[in-house]
Amino acid sequence: MSDLKEKIVESIKKVYDPEIPVNIYELGLIYDIKINKGDVEVVMTLTSPFCPVAGSMPKEVAARVSEVEGVKKANVELVFEPPWTMDLMSNEAKLELNMTDSFNI
């Protein structure tokens, strides 16, 4: 992972789902991060299309990414295909949520 991408990921990890006490990166809500000469495209989803933060969370992600040194422009695309499932969560998120049955420890 490039240095800029690592910084972007760290910045995105400061965004939390309001209903789940885990950052959205570890929840698996970030599907892709593309960087082209300082322009960043983030493809993300939500845990549900009916999520109450559907209007605000992508804006928060764009704002966090824009704060990273080296980013010229940040755009966030919100998608619902493929749909989010708990399988997309990192092991760290599963541990945080006490879902140890979901993976082998």
N, C-alpha and C. Protein backbone atom coordinates (compact mmCIF):
# COMPACT_ATOMS: atom_id res chain seq x y z
N MET A 1 0.86 -1.18 0.00
CA MET A 1 0.00 0.00 0.00
C MET A 1 0.90 1.24 0.00
N SER A 2 0.56 2.21 -0.84
CA SER A 2 1.36 3.42 -0.91
C SER A 2 1.23 4.23 0.37
N ASP A 3 2.19 5.11 0.58
CA ASP A 3 2.19 5.96 1.77
C ASP A 3 0.94 6.84 1.81
N LEU A 4 0.55 7.41 0.67
CA LEU A 4 -0.64 8.25 0.63
C LEU A 4 -1.89 7.43 0.93
N LYS A 5 -1.97 6.26 0.37
CA LYS A 5 -3.14 5.41 0.63
C LYS A 5 -3.22 5.03 2.10
N GLU A 6 -2.08 4.73 2.71
CA GLU A 6 -2.07 4.41 4.14
C GLU A 6 -2.58 5.58 4.97
N LYS A 7 -2.18 6.79 4.61
CA LYS A 7 -2.65 7.98 5.33
C LYS A 7 -4.16 8.17 5.14
N ILE A 8 -4.64 7.90 3.94
CA ILE A 8 -6.07 8.01 3.66
C ILE A 8 -6.84 7.00 4.49
N VAL A 9 -6.36 5.77 4.53
CA VAL A 9 -7.02 4.73 5.34
C VAL A 9 -7.06 5.14 6.80
N GLU A 10 -5.95 5.64 7.32
CA GLU A 10 -5.92 6.07 8.72
C GLU A 10 -6.92 7.19 8.98
N SER A 11 -7.08 8.08 8.02
CA SER A 11 -8.05 9.16 8.18
C SER A 11 -9.48 8.62 8.13
N ILE A 12 -9.73 7.68 7.24
CA ILE A 12 -11.07 7.08 7.14
C ILE A 12 -11.41 6.32 8.43
N LYS A 13 -10.41 5.74 9.06
CA LYS A 13 -10.63 5.00 10.31
C LYS A 13 -11.11 5.89 11.45
N LYS A 14 -11.12 7.19 11.26
CA LYS A 14 -11.65 8.11 12.27
C LYS A 14 -13.16 8.28 12.14
N VAL A 15 -13.75 7.69 11.10
CA VAL A 15 -15.19 7.78 10.88
C VAL A 15 -15.84 6.51 11.42
N TYR A 16 -16.83 6.71 12.28
CA TYR A 16 -17.50 5.58 12.93
C TYR A 16 -18.96 5.51 12.52
N ASP A 17 -19.45 4.30 12.38
CA ASP A 17 -20.88 4.09 12.17
C ASP A 17 -21.56 4.49 13.47
N PRO A 18 -22.62 5.29 13.41
CA PRO A 18 -23.24 5.76 14.65
C PRO A 18 -23.95 4.67 15.45
N GLU A 19 -24.25 3.55 14.81
CA GLU A 19 -24.97 2.48 15.50
C GLU A 19 -24.07 1.33 15.93
N ILE A 20 -22.84 1.32 15.40
CA ILE A 20 -21.91 0.24 15.70
C ILE A 20 -20.59 0.89 16.12
N PRO A 21 -20.06 0.56 17.29
CA PRO A 21 -18.86 1.25 17.79
C PRO A 21 -17.55 0.78 17.15
N VAL A 22 -17.54 0.73 15.81
CA VAL A 22 -16.36 0.31 15.07
C VAL A 22 -16.21 1.27 13.88
N ASN A 23 -14.97 1.59 13.52
CA ASN A 23 -14.79 2.50 12.38
C ASN A 23 -15.23 1.83 11.08
N ILE A 24 -15.59 2.67 10.11
CA ILE A 24 -16.20 2.16 8.89
C ILE A 24 -15.23 1.36 8.02
N TYR A 25 -13.94 1.60 8.17
CA TYR A 25 -12.97 0.82 7.40
C TYR A 25 -12.94 -0.62 7.90
N GLU A 26 -12.86 -0.80 9.21
CA GLU A 26 -12.84 -2.14 9.79
C GLU A 26 -14.19 -2.85 9.61
N LEU A 27 -15.26 -2.07 9.51
CA LEU A 27 -16.58 -2.66 9.26
C LEU A 27 -16.69 -3.21 7.84
N GLY A 28 -15.78 -2.82 6.98
CA GLY A 28 -15.82 -3.29 5.60
C GLY A 28 -16.71 -2.44 4.71
N LEU A 29 -16.97 -1.20 5.12
CA LEU A 29 -17.82 -0.33 4.32
C LEU A 29 -17.07 0.35 3.18
N ILE A 30 -15.75 0.31 3.22
CA ILE A 30 -14.94 0.91 2.15
C ILE A 30 -14.58 -0.21 1.17
N TYR A 31 -15.11 -0.09 -0.05
CA TYR A 31 -14.87 -1.12 -1.06
C TYR A 31 -13.61 -0.87 -1.87
N ASP A 32 -13.27 0.40 -2.12
CA ASP A 32 -12.11 0.69 -2.95
C ASP A 32 -11.64 2.12 -2.71
N ILE A 33 -10.34 2.31 -2.86
CA ILE A 33 -9.73 3.64 -2.80
C ILE A 33 -8.80 3.73 -4.01
N LYS A 34 -9.12 4.66 -4.91
CA LYS A 34 -8.30 4.86 -6.11
C LYS A 34 -7.67 6.24 -6.02
N ILE A 35 -6.37 6.29 -6.33
CA ILE A 35 -5.63 7.56 -6.28
C ILE A 35 -5.02 7.80 -7.65
N ASN A 36 -5.25 9.01 -8.18
CA ASN A 36 -4.69 9.39 -9.47
C ASN A 36 -4.18 10.82 -9.37
N LYS A 37 -2.87 10.96 -9.19
CA LYS A 37 -2.23 12.28 -9.11
C LYS A 37 -2.87 13.19 -8.07
N GLY A 38 -3.18 12.64 -6.91
CA GLY A 38 -3.75 13.42 -5.83
C GLY A 38 -5.27 13.47 -5.80
N ASP A 39 -5.90 13.02 -6.87
CA ASP A 39 -7.36 12.91 -6.88
C ASP A 39 -7.72 11.54 -6.33
N VAL A 40 -8.62 11.52 -5.35
CA VAL A 40 -8.96 10.27 -4.66
C VAL A 40 -10.43 9.96 -4.87
N GLU A 41 -10.69 8.73 -5.26
CA GLU A 41 -12.05 8.22 -5.43
C GLU A 41 -12.24 7.10 -4.41
N VAL A 42 -13.21 7.26 -3.53
CA VAL A 42 -13.52 6.25 -2.53
C VAL A 42 -14.88 5.64 -2.90
N VAL A 43 -14.91 4.33 -2.99
CA VAL A 43 -16.16 3.62 -3.22
C VAL A 43 -16.54 2.97 -1.90
N MET A 44 -17.73 3.31 -1.43
CA MET A 44 -18.15 2.80 -0.13
C MET A 44 -19.62 2.39 -0.16
N THR A 45 -20.02 1.70 0.88
CA THR A 45 -21.41 1.33 1.07
C THR A 45 -21.80 1.65 2.49
N LEU A 46 -23.01 1.29 2.84
CA LEU A 46 -23.51 1.43 4.21
C LEU A 46 -24.02 0.06 4.64
N THR A 47 -24.23 -0.10 5.93
CA THR A 47 -24.72 -1.39 6.41
C THR A 47 -26.12 -1.68 5.88
N SER A 48 -26.84 -0.63 5.52
CA SER A 48 -28.19 -0.77 4.97
C SER A 48 -28.49 0.44 4.10
N PRO A 49 -29.23 0.25 3.00
CA PRO A 49 -29.63 1.40 2.18
C PRO A 49 -30.50 2.39 2.96
N PHE A 50 -31.09 1.93 4.06
CA PHE A 50 -31.97 2.77 4.87
C PHE A 50 -31.25 3.39 6.05
N CYS A 51 -29.93 3.33 6.04
CA CYS A 51 -29.11 3.88 7.13
C CYS A 51 -29.41 5.37 7.29
N PRO A 52 -29.63 5.83 8.53
CA PRO A 52 -29.98 7.23 8.74
C PRO A 52 -28.86 8.22 8.39
N VAL A 53 -27.63 7.74 8.21
CA VAL A 53 -26.53 8.65 7.87
C VAL A 53 -26.15 8.56 6.39
N ALA A 54 -27.05 8.04 5.58
CA ALA A 54 -26.76 7.89 4.15
C ALA A 54 -26.40 9.22 3.49
N GLY A 55 -26.99 10.30 3.96
CA GLY A 55 -26.68 11.61 3.39
C GLY A 55 -25.43 12.24 3.94
N SER A 56 -25.10 11.95 5.20
CA SER A 56 -23.98 12.64 5.84
C SER A 56 -22.68 11.85 5.86
N MET A 57 -22.73 10.53 5.94
CA MET A 57 -21.48 9.77 6.08
C MET A 57 -20.57 9.90 4.86
N PRO A 58 -21.07 9.81 3.63
CA PRO A 58 -20.15 10.00 2.50
C PRO A 58 -19.49 11.38 2.52
N LYS A 59 -20.22 12.40 2.95
CA LYS A 59 -19.63 13.74 3.05
C LYS A 59 -18.54 13.77 4.12
N GLU A 60 -18.76 13.06 5.23
CA GLU A 60 -17.76 13.01 6.28
C GLU A 60 -16.50 12.29 5.80
N VAL A 61 -16.69 11.20 5.05
CA VAL A 61 -15.55 10.47 4.50
C VAL A 61 -14.77 11.37 3.54
N ALA A 62 -15.47 12.07 2.66
CA ALA A 62 -14.81 12.98 1.72
C ALA A 62 -14.03 14.06 2.46
N ALA A 63 -14.61 14.59 3.52
CA ALA A 63 -13.93 15.63 4.31
C ALA A 63 -12.67 15.07 4.97
N ARG A 64 -12.76 13.87 5.53
CA ARG A 64 -11.59 13.26 6.18
C ARG A 64 -10.48 13.01 5.16
N VAL A 65 -10.85 12.49 3.99
CA VAL A 65 -9.85 12.20 2.95
C VAL A 65 -9.22 13.51 2.47
N SER A 66 -10.03 14.55 2.33
CA SER A 66 -9.53 15.85 1.85
C SER A 66 -8.50 16.46 2.80
N GLU A 67 -8.57 16.11 4.07
CA GLU A 67 -7.63 16.63 5.07
C GLU A 67 -6.23 16.04 4.95
N VAL A 68 -6.11 14.93 4.24
CA VAL A 68 -4.81 14.24 4.15
C VAL A 68 -3.88 15.02 3.22
N GLU A 69 -2.68 15.26 3.70
CA GLU A 69 -1.68 15.97 2.89
C GLU A 69 -1.39 15.16 1.62
N GLY A 70 -1.43 15.84 0.50
CA GLY A 70 -1.19 15.17 -0.78
C GLY A 70 -2.46 14.90 -1.56
N VAL A 71 -3.61 15.05 -0.90
CA VAL A 71 -4.88 14.86 -1.59
C VAL A 71 -5.32 16.20 -2.15
N LYS A 72 -5.57 16.23 -3.45
CA LYS A 72 -6.04 17.45 -4.11
C LYS A 72 -7.56 17.52 -4.10
N LYS A 73 -8.17 16.39 -4.39
CA LYS A 73 -9.63 16.33 -4.51
C LYS A 73 -10.09 14.95 -4.03
N ALA A 74 -11.21 14.93 -3.30
CA ALA A 74 -11.75 13.66 -2.81
C ALA A 74 -13.20 13.53 -3.26
N ASN A 75 -13.53 12.39 -3.81
CA ASN A 75 -14.89 12.10 -4.22
C ASN A 75 -15.27 10.75 -3.63
N VAL A 76 -16.49 10.68 -3.12
CA VAL A 76 -16.98 9.43 -2.53
C VAL A 76 -18.19 8.97 -3.32
N GLU A 77 -18.12 7.74 -3.78
CA GLU A 77 -19.25 7.12 -4.49
C GLU A 77 -19.91 6.13 -3.53
N LEU A 78 -21.19 6.30 -3.31
CA LEU A 78 -21.95 5.41 -2.44
C LEU A 78 -22.64 4.37 -3.31
N VAL A 79 -22.37 3.10 -3.02
CA VAL A 79 -22.96 2.00 -3.80
C VAL A 79 -23.63 1.01 -2.85
N PHE A 80 -24.53 0.24 -3.40
CA PHE A 80 -25.19 -0.80 -2.60
C PHE A 80 -25.07 -2.18 -3.25
N GLU A 81 -24.27 -2.26 -4.30
CA GLU A 81 -23.96 -3.53 -4.94
C GLU A 81 -22.45 -3.67 -4.97
N PRO A 82 -21.88 -4.70 -4.45
CA PRO A 82 -22.56 -5.76 -3.72
C PRO A 82 -23.03 -5.26 -2.36
N PRO A 83 -24.09 -5.85 -1.85
CA PRO A 83 -24.58 -5.43 -0.54
C PRO A 83 -23.57 -5.78 0.56
N TRP A 84 -23.55 -4.96 1.60
CA TRP A 84 -22.67 -5.20 2.73
C TRP A 84 -23.19 -6.39 3.53
N THR A 85 -22.26 -7.22 3.99
CA THR A 85 -22.57 -8.31 4.91
C THR A 85 -21.52 -8.31 6.01
N MET A 86 -21.81 -8.98 7.09
CA MET A 86 -20.85 -9.05 8.21
C MET A 86 -19.57 -9.76 7.82
N ASP A 87 -19.59 -10.53 6.75
CA ASP A 87 -18.37 -11.20 6.28
C ASP A 87 -17.30 -10.21 5.84
N LEU A 88 -17.70 -8.98 5.53
CA LEU A 88 -16.76 -7.95 5.08
C LEU A 88 -16.00 -7.30 6.24
N MET A 89 -16.43 -7.56 7.45
CA MET A 89 -15.78 -6.98 8.63
C MET A 89 -14.41 -7.60 8.85
N SER A 90 -13.47 -6.78 9.32
CA SER A 90 -12.15 -7.29 9.66
C SER A 90 -12.24 -8.13 10.93
N ASN A 91 -11.21 -8.93 11.17
CA ASN A 91 -11.17 -9.70 12.42
C ASN A 91 -11.14 -8.77 13.63
N GLU A 92 -10.48 -7.60 13.49
CA GLU A 92 -10.44 -6.63 14.58
C GLU A 92 -11.84 -6.15 14.93
N ALA A 93 -12.65 -5.88 13.90
CA ALA A 93 -14.03 -5.42 14.14
C ALA A 93 -14.84 -6.52 14.81
N LYS A 94 -14.66 -7.74 14.36
CA LYS A 94 -15.39 -8.86 14.95
C LYS A 94 -15.01 -9.05 16.41
N LEU A 95 -13.73 -8.89 16.72
CA LEU A 95 -13.30 -8.97 18.12
C LEU A 95 -13.92 -7.86 18.94
N GLU A 96 -13.90 -6.64 18.40
CA GLU A 96 -14.46 -5.49 19.10
C GLU A 96 -15.94 -5.70 19.41
N LEU A 97 -16.64 -6.35 18.49
CA LEU A 97 -18.08 -6.58 18.66
C LEU A 97 -18.39 -7.93 19.30
N ASN A 98 -17.33 -8.61 19.77
CA ASN A 98 -17.50 -9.90 20.45
C ASN A 98 -18.15 -10.95 19.55
N MET A 99 -17.73 -10.97 18.29
CA MET A 99 -18.27 -11.91 17.31
C MET A 99 -17.22 -12.97 16.99
N THR A 100 -16.59 -13.52 18.00
CA THR A 100 -15.49 -14.45 17.78
C THR A 100 -15.93 -15.76 17.14
N ASP A 101 -17.23 -16.06 17.17
CA ASP A 101 -17.71 -17.27 16.49
C ASP A 101 -17.69 -17.12 14.98
N SER A 102 -17.55 -15.88 14.49
CA SER A 102 -17.59 -15.60 13.06
C SER A 102 -16.28 -15.92 12.35
N PHE A 103 -15.21 -16.21 13.11
CA PHE A 103 -13.93 -16.55 12.51
C PHE A 103 -13.15 -17.39 13.50
N ASN A 104 -12.12 -18.00 13.01
CA ASN A 104 -11.29 -18.86 13.86
C ASN A 104 -10.20 -18.05 14.54
N ILE A 105 -10.14 -18.17 15.86
CA ILE A 105 -9.06 -17.50 16.62
C ILE A 105 -8.10 -18.56 17.11
